[in-house]
Amino acid sequence: MRLQLTLALTIVSLSLYSQTKYSNEFLNIGVDAAALGMSNAV
């Protein structure tokens, strides 16, 4: 029970406060398996 509560709070907390250090990092993951197979050197 405590684990679920802590996990939920942690996700919300990190999501809210990640903006102060990392912004829109999901746009840096990359697309296309062909490019990702080459470590994004495309």
PDB file of all heavy atoms in Angstrom:
ATOM      1  N   MET A   1       0.821  -1.192   0.000  1.00  0.00           N
ATOM      2  CA  MET A   1       0.000   0.000   0.000  1.00  0.00           C
ATOM      3  C   MET A   1       0.864   1.254   0.000  1.00  0.00           C
ATOM      4  O   MET A   1       0.674   2.179  -0.773  1.00  0.00           O
ATOM      5  CB  MET A   1      -0.898  -0.010   1.231  1.00  0.00           C
ATOM      6  CG  MET A   1      -2.132   0.830   1.093  1.00  0.00           C
ATOM      7  SD  MET A   1      -3.482  -0.127   0.371  1.00  0.00           S
ATOM      8  CE  MET A   1      -3.683  -1.479   1.517  1.00  0.00           C
ATOM      9  N   ARG A   2       1.850   1.290   0.895  1.00  0.00           N
ATOM     10  CA  ARG A   2       2.752   2.426   0.942  1.00  0.00           C
ATOM     11  C   ARG A   2       3.540   2.565  -0.352  1.00  0.00           C
ATOM     12  O   ARG A   2       3.800   3.673  -0.815  1.00  0.00           O
ATOM     13  CB  ARG A   2       3.745   2.274   2.100  1.00  0.00           C
ATOM     14  CG  ARG A   2       3.172   2.560   3.442  1.00  0.00           C
ATOM     15  CD  ARG A   2       4.248   2.446   4.506  1.00  0.00           C
ATOM     16  NE  ARG A   2       3.669   2.578   5.801  1.00  0.00           N
ATOM     17  CZ  ARG A   2       3.468   3.731   6.410  1.00  0.00           C
ATOM     18  NH1 ARG A   2       3.785   4.852   5.797  1.00  0.00           N
ATOM     19  NH2 ARG A   2       2.930   3.775   7.613  1.00  0.00           N
ATOM     20  N   LEU A   3       3.901   1.413  -0.927  1.00  0.00           N
ATOM     21  CA  LEU A   3       4.663   1.435  -2.170  1.00  0.00           C
ATOM     22  C   LEU A   3       3.860   2.080  -3.284  1.00  0.00           C
ATOM     23  O   LEU A   3       4.368   2.893  -4.050  1.00  0.00           O
ATOM     24  CB  LEU A   3       5.061   0.012  -2.564  1.00  0.00           C
ATOM     25  CG  LEU A   3       5.848  -0.126  -3.886  1.00  0.00           C
ATOM     26  CD1 LEU A   3       7.145   0.645  -3.810  1.00  0.00           C
ATOM     27  CD2 LEU A   3       6.109  -1.595  -4.182  1.00  0.00           C
ATOM     28  N   GLN A   4       2.554   1.751  -3.383  1.00  0.00           N
ATOM     29  CA  GLN A   4       1.715   2.345  -4.418  1.00  0.00           C
ATOM     30  C   GLN A   4       1.588   3.843  -4.214  1.00  0.00           C
ATOM     31  O   GLN A   4       1.637   4.625  -5.160  1.00  0.00           O
ATOM     32  CB  GLN A   4       0.335   1.694  -4.409  1.00  0.00           C
ATOM     33  CG  GLN A   4       0.331   0.255  -4.929  1.00  0.00           C
ATOM     34  CD  GLN A   4      -1.072  -0.321  -4.929  1.00  0.00           C
ATOM     35  OE1 GLN A   4      -1.885   0.036  -4.085  1.00  0.00           O
ATOM     36  NE2 GLN A   4      -1.337  -1.214  -5.858  1.00  0.00           N
ATOM     37  N   LEU A   5       1.385   4.245  -2.969  1.00  0.00           N
ATOM     38  CA  LEU A   5       1.259   5.659  -2.669  1.00  0.00           C
ATOM     39  C   LEU A   5       2.530   6.408  -3.021  1.00  0.00           C
ATOM     40  O   LEU A   5       2.504   7.458  -3.665  1.00  0.00           O
ATOM     41  CB  LEU A   5       0.915   5.847  -1.190  1.00  0.00           C
ATOM     42  CG  LEU A   5       0.836   7.302  -0.693  1.00  0.00           C
ATOM     43  CD1 LEU A   5      -0.256   8.036  -1.440  1.00  0.00           C
ATOM     44  CD2 LEU A   5       0.600   7.330   0.813  1.00  0.00           C
ATOM     45  N   THR A   6       3.667   5.853  -2.626  1.00  0.00           N
ATOM     46  CA  THR A   6       4.949   6.502  -2.913  1.00  0.00           C
ATOM     47  C   THR A   6       5.208   6.581  -4.405  1.00  0.00           C
ATOM     48  O   THR A   6       5.684   7.597  -4.920  1.00  0.00           O
ATOM     49  CB  THR A   6       6.095   5.725  -2.236  1.00  0.00           C
ATOM     50  OG1 THR A   6       5.847   5.663  -0.840  1.00  0.00           O
ATOM     51  CG2 THR A   6       7.418   6.416  -2.483  1.00  0.00           C
ATOM     52  N   LEU A   7       4.859   5.496  -5.149  1.00  0.00           N
ATOM     53  CA  LEU A   7       5.086   5.483  -6.581  1.00  0.00           C
ATOM     54  C   LEU A   7       4.261   6.549  -7.270  1.00  0.00           C
ATOM     55  O   LEU A   7       4.759   7.296  -8.122  1.00  0.00           O
ATOM     56  CB  LEU A   7       4.741   4.107  -7.153  1.00  0.00           C
ATOM     57  CG  LEU A   7       4.890   3.949  -8.667  1.00  0.00           C
ATOM     58  CD1 LEU A   7       6.323   4.211  -9.087  1.00  0.00           C
ATOM     59  CD2 LEU A   7       4.443   2.556  -9.110  1.00  0.00           C
ATOM     60  N   ALA A   8       2.984   6.655  -6.908  1.00  0.00           N
ATOM     61  CA  ALA A   8       2.121   7.655  -7.533  1.00  0.00           C
ATOM     62  C   ALA A   8       2.626   9.062  -7.263  1.00  0.00           C
ATOM     63  O   ALA A   8       2.698   9.904  -8.158  1.00  0.00           O
ATOM     64  CB  ALA A   8       0.681   7.504  -7.031  1.00  0.00           C
ATOM     65  N   LEU A   9       2.987   9.330  -6.014  1.00  0.00           N
ATOM     66  CA  LEU A   9       3.482  10.656  -5.663  1.00  0.00           C
ATOM     67  C   LEU A   9       4.793  10.968  -6.364  1.00  0.00           C
ATOM     68  O   LEU A   9       5.042  12.094  -6.790  1.00  0.00           O
ATOM     69  CB  LEU A   9       3.660  10.758  -4.148  1.00  0.00           C
ATOM     70  CG  LEU A   9       2.364  10.769  -3.322  1.00  0.00           C
ATOM     71  CD1 LEU A   9       2.698  10.715  -1.844  1.00  0.00           C
ATOM     72  CD2 LEU A   9       1.548  11.999  -3.652  1.00  0.00           C
ATOM     73  N   THR A  10       5.649   9.962  -6.480  1.00  0.00           N
ATOM     74  CA  THR A  10       6.940  10.166  -7.141  1.00  0.00           C
ATOM     75  C   THR A  10       6.752  10.522  -8.607  1.00  0.00           C
ATOM     76  O   THR A  10       7.414  11.431  -9.134  1.00  0.00           O
ATOM     77  CB  THR A  10       7.814   8.908  -7.026  1.00  0.00           C
ATOM     78  OG1 THR A  10       8.020   8.627  -5.644  1.00  0.00           O
ATOM     79  CG2 THR A  10       9.151   9.122  -7.702  1.00  0.00           C
ATOM     80  N   ILE A  11       5.864   9.811  -9.312  1.00  0.00           N
ATOM     81  CA  ILE A  11       5.636  10.096 -10.725  1.00  0.00           C
ATOM     82  C   ILE A  11       5.122  11.508 -10.916  1.00  0.00           C
ATOM     83  O   ILE A  11       5.591  12.257 -11.765  1.00  0.00           O
ATOM     84  CB  ILE A  11       4.658   9.069 -11.327  1.00  0.00           C
ATOM     85  CG1 ILE A  11       5.322   7.697 -11.380  1.00  0.00           C
ATOM     86  CG2 ILE A  11       4.214   9.492 -12.714  1.00  0.00           C
ATOM     87  CD1 ILE A  11       4.397   6.590 -11.827  1.00  0.00           C
ATOM     88  N   VAL A  12       4.135  11.899 -10.097  1.00  0.00           N
ATOM     89  CA  VAL A  12       3.591  13.247 -10.207  1.00  0.00           C
ATOM     90  C   VAL A  12       4.644  14.286  -9.885  1.00  0.00           C
ATOM     91  O   VAL A  12       4.815  15.289 -10.578  1.00  0.00           O
ATOM     92  CB  VAL A  12       2.362  13.411  -9.279  1.00  0.00           C
ATOM     93  CG1 VAL A  12       1.897  14.865  -9.272  1.00  0.00           C
ATOM     94  CG2 VAL A  12       1.242  12.496  -9.735  1.00  0.00           C
ATOM     95  N   SER A  13       5.399  14.052  -8.816  1.00  0.00           N
ATOM     96  CA  SER A  13       6.427  15.001  -8.404  1.00  0.00           C
ATOM     97  C   SER A  13       7.485  15.182  -9.472  1.00  0.00           C
ATOM     98  O   SER A  13       7.859  16.300  -9.823  1.00  0.00           O
ATOM     99  CB  SER A  13       7.074  14.536  -7.100  1.00  0.00           C
ATOM    100  OG  SER A  13       8.109  15.399  -6.727  1.00  0.00           O
ATOM    101  N   LEU A  14       7.987  14.081 -10.020  1.00  0.00           N
ATOM    102  CA  LEU A  14       9.012  14.169 -11.051  1.00  0.00           C
ATOM    103  C   LEU A  14       8.480  14.840 -12.299  1.00  0.00           C
ATOM    104  O   LEU A  14       9.168  15.623 -12.950  1.00  0.00           O
ATOM    105  CB  LEU A  14       9.542  12.765 -11.392  1.00  0.00           C
ATOM    106  CG  LEU A  14      10.392  12.101 -10.325  1.00  0.00           C
ATOM    107  CD1 LEU A  14      10.758  10.679 -10.758  1.00  0.00           C
ATOM    108  CD2 LEU A  14      11.654  12.910 -10.044  1.00  0.00           C
ATOM    109  N   SER A  15       7.241  14.542 -12.664  1.00  0.00           N
ATOM    110  CA  SER A  15       6.655  15.142 -13.860  1.00  0.00           C
ATOM    111  C   SER A  15       6.511  16.642 -13.693  1.00  0.00           C
ATOM    112  O   SER A  15       6.794  17.420 -14.594  1.00  0.00           O
ATOM    113  CB  SER A  15       5.292  14.509 -14.147  1.00  0.00           C
ATOM    114  OG  SER A  15       5.415  13.136 -14.398  1.00  0.00           O
ATOM    115  N   LEU A  16       6.079  17.070 -12.506  1.00  0.00           N
ATOM    116  CA  LEU A  16       5.868  18.485 -12.288  1.00  0.00           C
ATOM    117  C   LEU A  16       7.175  19.261 -12.220  1.00  0.00           C
ATOM    118  O   LEU A  16       7.300  20.356 -12.757  1.00  0.00           O
ATOM    119  CB  LEU A  16       5.090  18.702 -10.984  1.00  0.00           C
ATOM    120  CG  LEU A  16       3.596  18.338 -11.010  1.00  0.00           C
ATOM    121  CD1 LEU A  16       3.021  18.420  -9.604  1.00  0.00           C
ATOM    122  CD2 LEU A  16       2.833  19.273 -11.938  1.00  0.00           C
ATOM    123  N   TYR A  17       8.164  18.662 -11.584  1.00  0.00           N
ATOM    124  CA  TYR A  17       9.375  19.421 -11.326  1.00  0.00           C
ATOM    125  C   TYR A  17      10.496  19.150 -12.310  1.00  0.00           C
ATOM    126  O   TYR A  17      11.518  19.815 -12.279  1.00  0.00           O
ATOM    127  CB  TYR A  17       9.849  19.156  -9.894  1.00  0.00           C
ATOM    128  CG  TYR A  17       9.011  19.899  -8.893  1.00  0.00           C
ATOM    129  CD1 TYR A  17       7.861  19.319  -8.367  1.00  0.00           C
ATOM    130  CD2 TYR A  17       9.331  21.190  -8.521  1.00  0.00           C
ATOM    131  CE1 TYR A  17       7.072  20.010  -7.465  1.00  0.00           C
ATOM    132  CE2 TYR A  17       8.543  21.889  -7.616  1.00  0.00           C
ATOM    133  CZ  TYR A  17       7.415  21.293  -7.091  1.00  0.00           C
ATOM    134  OH  TYR A  17       6.627  21.982  -6.218  1.00  0.00           O
ATOM    135  N   SER A  18      10.313  18.192 -13.217  1.00  0.00           N
ATOM    136  CA  SER A  18      11.367  17.928 -14.194  1.00  0.00           C
ATOM    137  C   SER A  18      11.553  19.113 -15.114  1.00  0.00           C
ATOM    138  O   SER A  18      12.616  19.282 -15.706  1.00  0.00           O
ATOM    139  CB  SER A  18      11.009  16.689 -15.034  1.00  0.00           C
ATOM    140  OG  SER A  18       9.821  16.911 -15.775  1.00  0.00           O
ATOM    141  N   GLN A  19      10.533  19.968 -15.214  1.00  0.00           N
ATOM    142  CA  GLN A  19      10.637  21.101 -16.110  1.00  0.00           C
ATOM    143  C   GLN A  19      11.721  22.086 -15.676  1.00  0.00           C
ATOM    144  O   GLN A  19      12.199  22.873 -16.485  1.00  0.00           O
ATOM    145  CB  GLN A  19       9.303  21.833 -16.186  1.00  0.00           C
ATOM    146  CG  GLN A  19       8.825  22.368 -14.860  1.00  0.00           C
ATOM    147  CD  GLN A  19       7.576  23.187 -15.016  1.00  0.00           C
ATOM    148  OE1 GLN A  19       7.496  24.023 -15.903  1.00  0.00           O
ATOM    149  NE2 GLN A  19       6.603  22.945 -14.172  1.00  0.00           N
ATOM    150  N   THR A  20      12.111  22.085 -14.399  1.00  0.00           N
ATOM    151  CA  THR A  20      13.104  23.035 -13.947  1.00  0.00           C
ATOM    152  C   THR A  20      14.508  22.656 -14.411  1.00  0.00           C
ATOM    153  O   THR A  20      15.414  23.461 -14.355  1.00  0.00           O
ATOM    154  CB  THR A  20      13.101  23.118 -12.407  1.00  0.00           C
ATOM    155  OG1 THR A  20      13.413  21.828 -11.875  1.00  0.00           O
ATOM    156  CG2 THR A  20      11.729  23.542 -11.902  1.00  0.00           C
ATOM    157  N   LYS A  21      14.679  21.413 -14.875  1.00  0.00           N
ATOM    158  CA  LYS A  21      16.004  20.990 -15.299  1.00  0.00           C
ATOM    159  C   LYS A  21      15.996  20.408 -16.709  1.00  0.00           C
ATOM    160  O   LYS A  21      16.887  20.689 -17.501  1.00  0.00           O
ATOM    161  CB  LYS A  21      16.555  19.947 -14.316  1.00  0.00           C
ATOM    162  CG  LYS A  21      18.010  19.582 -14.603  1.00  0.00           C
ATOM    163  CD  LYS A  21      18.558  18.680 -13.512  1.00  0.00           C
ATOM    164  CE  LYS A  21      20.028  18.350 -13.775  1.00  0.00           C
ATOM    165  NZ  LYS A  21      20.582  17.466 -12.732  1.00  0.00           N
ATOM    166  N   TYR A  22      14.995  19.602 -17.035  1.00  0.00           N
ATOM    167  CA  TYR A  22      14.903  18.978 -18.349  1.00  0.00           C
ATOM    168  C   TYR A  22      13.600  19.412 -19.004  1.00  0.00           C
ATOM    169  O   TYR A  22      12.533  19.262 -18.421  1.00  0.00           O
ATOM    170  CB  TYR A  22      14.943  17.455 -18.220  1.00  0.00           C
ATOM    171  CG  TYR A  22      16.185  16.943 -17.550  1.00  0.00           C
ATOM    172  CD1 TYR A  22      16.148  16.484 -16.237  1.00  0.00           C
ATOM    173  CD2 TYR A  22      17.403  16.920 -18.226  1.00  0.00           C
ATOM    174  CE1 TYR A  22      17.286  16.017 -15.609  1.00  0.00           C
ATOM    175  CE2 TYR A  22      18.547  16.452 -17.599  1.00  0.00           C
ATOM    176  CZ  TYR A  22      18.480  16.000 -16.297  1.00  0.00           C
ATOM    177  OH  TYR A  22      19.610  15.549 -15.687  1.00  0.00           O
ATOM    178  N   SER A  23      13.695  19.925 -20.202  1.00  0.00           N
ATOM    179  CA  SER A  23      12.523  20.434 -20.885  1.00  0.00           C
ATOM    180  C   SER A  23      12.314  19.685 -22.188  1.00  0.00           C
ATOM    181  O   SER A  23      13.221  19.611 -23.020  1.00  0.00           O
ATOM    182  CB  SER A  23      12.699  21.937 -21.163  1.00  0.00           C
ATOM    183  OG  SER A  23      11.630  22.420 -21.932  1.00  0.00           O
ATOM    184  N   ASN A  24      11.128  19.117 -22.359  1.00  0.00           N
ATOM    185  CA  ASN A  24      10.761  18.433 -23.606  1.00  0.00           C
ATOM    186  C   ASN A  24      11.762  17.357 -24.000  1.00  0.00           C
ATOM    187  O   ASN A  24      12.047  17.159 -25.188  1.00  0.00           O
ATOM    188  CB  ASN A  24      10.593  19.444 -24.749  1.00  0.00           C
ATOM    189  CG  ASN A  24       9.495  20.448 -24.475  1.00  0.00           C
ATOM    190  OD1 ASN A  24       8.533  20.152 -23.771  1.00  0.00           O
ATOM    191  ND2 ASN A  24       9.637  21.641 -25.031  1.00  0.00           N
ATOM    192  N   GLU A  25      12.283  16.640 -23.025  1.00  0.00           N
ATOM    193  CA  GLU A  25      13.282  15.613 -23.321  1.00  0.00           C
ATOM    194  C   GLU A  25      12.718  14.472 -24.168  1.00  0.00           C
ATOM    195  O   GLU A  25      13.467  13.779 -24.851  1.00  0.00           O
ATOM    196  CB  GLU A  25      13.850  15.046 -22.017  1.00  0.00           C
ATOM    197  CG  GLU A  25      14.886  15.938 -21.358  1.00  0.00           C
ATOM    198  CD  GLU A  25      16.128  16.111 -22.215  1.00  0.00           C
ATOM    199  OE1 GLU A  25      16.769  15.099 -22.536  1.00  0.00           O
ATOM    200  OE2 GLU A  25      16.437  17.255 -22.569  1.00  0.00           O
ATOM    201  N   PHE A  26      11.413  14.277 -24.155  1.00  0.00           N
ATOM    202  CA  PHE A  26      10.838  13.203 -24.958  1.00  0.00           C
ATOM    203  C   PHE A  26      11.076  13.426 -26.444  1.00  0.00           C
ATOM    204  O   PHE A  26      11.084  12.479 -27.232  1.00  0.00           O
ATOM    205  CB  PHE A  26       9.335  13.068 -24.667  1.00  0.00           C
ATOM    206  CG  PHE A  26       8.468  14.121 -25.306  1.00  0.00           C
ATOM    207  CD1 PHE A  26       7.752  13.830 -26.458  1.00  0.00           C
ATOM    208  CD2 PHE A  26       8.365  15.390 -24.758  1.00  0.00           C
ATOM    209  CE1 PHE A  26       6.938  14.785 -27.047  1.00  0.00           C
ATOM    210  CE2 PHE A  26       7.564  16.353 -25.340  1.00  0.00           C
ATOM    211  CZ  PHE A  26       6.841  16.053 -26.482  1.00  0.00           C
ATOM    212  N   LEU A  27      11.292  14.673 -26.852  1.00  0.00           N
ATOM    213  CA  LEU A  27      11.561  14.971 -28.260  1.00  0.00           C
ATOM    214  C   LEU A  27      12.987  14.625 -28.664  1.00  0.00           C
ATOM    215  O   LEU A  27      13.335  14.730 -29.843  1.00  0.00           O
ATOM    216  CB  LEU A  27      11.282  16.445 -28.547  1.00  0.00           C
ATOM    217  CG  LEU A  27       9.823  16.880 -28.447  1.00  0.00           C
ATOM    218  CD1 LEU A  27       9.684  18.379 -28.680  1.00  0.00           C
ATOM    219  CD2 LEU A  27       8.956  16.105 -29.429  1.00  0.00           C
ATOM    220  N   ASN A  28      13.820  14.211 -27.711  1.00  0.00           N
ATOM    221  CA  ASN A  28      15.203  13.844 -28.015  1.00  0.00           C
ATOM    222  C   ASN A  28      15.408  12.338 -28.090  1.00  0.00           C
ATOM    223  O   ASN A  28      16.532  11.883 -28.343  1.00  0.00           O
ATOM    224  CB  ASN A  28      16.146  14.427 -26.950  1.00  0.00           C
ATOM    225  CG  ASN A  28      16.139  15.944 -26.942  1.00  0.00           C
ATOM    226  OD1 ASN A  28      16.028  16.580 -27.983  1.00  0.00           O
ATOM    227  ND2 ASN A  28      16.240  16.523 -25.763  1.00  0.00           N
ATOM    228  N   ILE A  29      14.367  11.547 -27.867  1.00  0.00           N
ATOM    229  CA  ILE A  29      14.524  10.087 -27.872  1.00  0.00           C
ATOM    230  C   ILE A  29      14.885   9.578 -29.253  1.00  0.00           C
ATOM    231  O   ILE A  29      15.749   8.718 -29.423  1.00  0.00           O
ATOM    232  CB  ILE A  29      13.230   9.422 -27.366  1.00  0.00           C
ATOM    233  CG1 ILE A  29      12.995   9.787 -25.902  1.00  0.00           C
ATOM    234  CG2 ILE A  29      13.308   7.906 -27.531  1.00  0.00           C
ATOM    235  CD1 ILE A  29      11.681   9.271 -25.344  1.00  0.00           C
ATOM    236  N   GLY A  30      14.238  10.107 -30.271  1.00  0.00           N
ATOM    237  CA  GLY A  30      14.518   9.671 -31.640  1.00  0.00           C
ATOM    238  C   GLY A  30      13.381   8.861 -32.230  1.00  0.00           C
ATOM    239  O   GLY A  30      12.557   8.292 -31.505  1.00  0.00           O
ATOM    240  N   VAL A  31      13.335   8.804 -33.543  1.00  0.00           N
ATOM    241  CA  VAL A  31      12.309   8.050 -34.261  1.00  0.00           C
ATOM    242  C   VAL A  31      12.968   7.187 -35.324  1.00  0.00           C
ATOM    243  O   VAL A  31      14.136   7.399 -35.676  1.00  0.00           O
ATOM    244  CB  VAL A  31      11.289   9.003 -34.929  1.00  0.00           C
ATOM    245  CG1 VAL A  31      10.647   9.922 -33.904  1.00  0.00           C
ATOM    246  CG2 VAL A  31      11.935   9.823 -36.033  1.00  0.00           C
ATOM    247  N   ASP A  32      12.199   6.187 -35.828  1.00  0.00           N
ATOM    248  CA  ASP A  32      12.635   5.309 -36.911  1.00  0.00           C
ATOM    249  C   ASP A  32      13.667   4.298 -36.410  1.00  0.00           C
ATOM    250  O   ASP A  32      14.787   4.653 -36.036  1.00  0.00           O
ATOM    251  CB  ASP A  32      13.207   6.127 -38.078  1.00  0.00           C
ATOM    252  CG  ASP A  32      13.640   5.253 -39.237  1.00  0.00           C
ATOM    253  OD1 ASP A  32      13.074   4.161 -39.398  1.00  0.00           O
ATOM    254  OD2 ASP A  32      14.539   5.680 -39.993  1.00  0.00           O
ATOM    255  N   ALA A  33      13.287   3.029 -36.419  1.00  0.00           N
ATOM    256  CA  ALA A  33      14.178   1.965 -35.948  1.00  0.00           C
ATOM    257  C   ALA A  33      15.463   1.900 -36.765  1.00  0.00           C
ATOM    258  O   ALA A  33      16.517   1.520 -36.250  1.00  0.00           O
ATOM    259  CB  ALA A  33      13.460   0.620 -35.991  1.00  0.00           C
ATOM    260  N   ALA A  34      15.410   2.279 -38.044  1.00  0.00           N
ATOM    261  CA  ALA A  34      16.623   2.278 -38.861  1.00  0.00           C
ATOM    262  C   ALA A  34      17.641   3.269 -38.317  1.00  0.00           C
ATOM    263  O   ALA A  34      18.838   2.981 -38.249  1.00  0.00           O
ATOM    264  CB  ALA A  34      16.282   2.609 -40.318  1.00  0.00           C
ATOM    265  N   ALA A  35      17.188   4.444 -37.911  1.00  0.00           N
ATOM    266  CA  ALA A  35      18.087   5.450 -37.343  1.00  0.00           C
ATOM    267  C   ALA A  35      18.568   5.050 -35.961  1.00  0.00           C
ATOM    268  O   ALA A  35      19.749   5.192 -35.626  1.00  0.00           O
ATOM    269  CB  ALA A  35      17.388   6.808 -37.290  1.00  0.00           C
ATOM    270  N   LEU A  36      17.669   4.514 -35.145  1.00  0.00           N
ATOM    271  CA  LEU A  36      18.053   4.113 -33.794  1.00  0.00           C
ATOM    272  C   LEU A  36      19.045   2.961 -33.817  1.00  0.00           C
ATOM    273  O   LEU A  36      19.900   2.845 -32.942  1.00  0.00           O
ATOM    274  CB  LEU A  36      16.806   3.726 -33.007  1.00  0.00           C
ATOM    275  CG  LEU A  36      15.814   4.862 -32.750  1.00  0.00           C
ATOM    276  CD1 LEU A  36      14.519   4.325 -32.166  1.00  0.00           C
ATOM    277  CD2 LEU A  36      16.418   5.915 -31.850  1.00  0.00           C
ATOM    278  N   GLY A  37      18.955   2.089 -34.826  1.00  0.00           N
ATOM    279  CA  GLY A  37      19.921   1.005 -34.961  1.00  0.00           C
ATOM    280  C   GLY A  37      21.314   1.492 -35.275  1.00  0.00           C
ATOM    281  O   GLY A  37      22.301   0.781 -35.043  1.00  0.00           O
ATOM    282  N   MET A  38      21.418   2.720 -35.803  1.00  0.00           N
ATOM    283  CA  MET A  38      22.713   3.340 -36.097  1.00  0.00           C
ATOM    284  C   MET A  38      23.082   4.382 -35.050  1.00  0.00           C
ATOM    285  O   MET A  38      23.884   5.281 -35.294  1.00  0.00           O
ATOM    286  CB  MET A  38      22.687   3.985 -37.480  1.00  0.00           C
ATOM    287  CG  MET A  38      22.486   3.020 -38.631  1.00  0.00           C
ATOM    288  SD  MET A  38      22.412   3.858 -40.233  1.00  0.00           S
ATOM    289  CE  MET A  38      24.054   4.609 -40.334  1.00  0.00           C
ATOM    290  N   SER A  39      22.493   4.284 -33.875  1.00  0.00           N
ATOM    291  CA  SER A  39      22.759   5.211 -32.763  1.00  0.00           C
ATOM    292  C   SER A  39      22.476   6.664 -33.133  1.00  0.00           C
ATOM    293  O   SER A  39      23.171   7.578 -32.696  1.00  0.00           O
ATOM    294  CB  SER A  39      24.197   5.056 -32.258  1.00  0.00           C
ATOM    295  OG  SER A  39      24.358   3.809 -31.618  1.00  0.00           O
ATOM    296  N   ASN A  40      21.476   6.868 -33.980  1.00  0.00           N
ATOM    297  CA  ASN A  40      20.993   8.211 -34.344  1.00  0.00           C
ATOM    298  C   ASN A  40      21.994   9.022 -35.158  1.00  0.00           C
ATOM    299  O   ASN A  40      21.831  10.244 -35.282  1.00  0.00           O
ATOM    300  CB  ASN A  40      20.592   9.006 -33.101  1.00  0.00           C
ATOM    301  CG  ASN A  40      19.559   8.301 -32.263  1.00  0.00           C
ATOM    302  OD1 ASN A  40      18.902   7.365 -32.724  1.00  0.00           O
ATOM    303  ND2 ASN A  40      19.404   8.729 -31.024  1.00  0.00           N
ATOM    304  N   ALA A  41      23.004   8.378 -35.725  1.00  0.00           N
ATOM    305  CA  ALA A  41      24.003   9.107 -36.517  1.00  0.00           C
ATOM    306  C   ALA A  41      23.511   9.248 -37.961  1.00  0.00           C
ATOM    307  O   ALA A  41      24.060   8.670 -38.892  1.00  0.00           O
ATOM    308  CB  ALA A  41      25.341   8.373 -36.479  1.00  0.00           C
ATOM    309  N   VAL A  42      22.452  10.060 -38.137  1.00  0.00           N
ATOM    310  CA  VAL A  42      21.791  10.123 -39.442  1.00  0.00           C
ATOM    311  C   VAL A  42      21.496  11.546 -39.910  1.00  0.00           C
ATOM    312  O   VAL A  42      20.767  11.731 -40.883  1.00  0.00           O
ATOM    313  CB  VAL A  42      20.481   9.310 -39.416  1.00  0.00           C
ATOM    314  CG1 VAL A  42      20.753   7.831 -39.201  1.00  0.00           C
ATOM    315  CG2 VAL A  42      19.522   9.841 -38.355  1.00  0.00           C
TER     316      VAL A  42
END
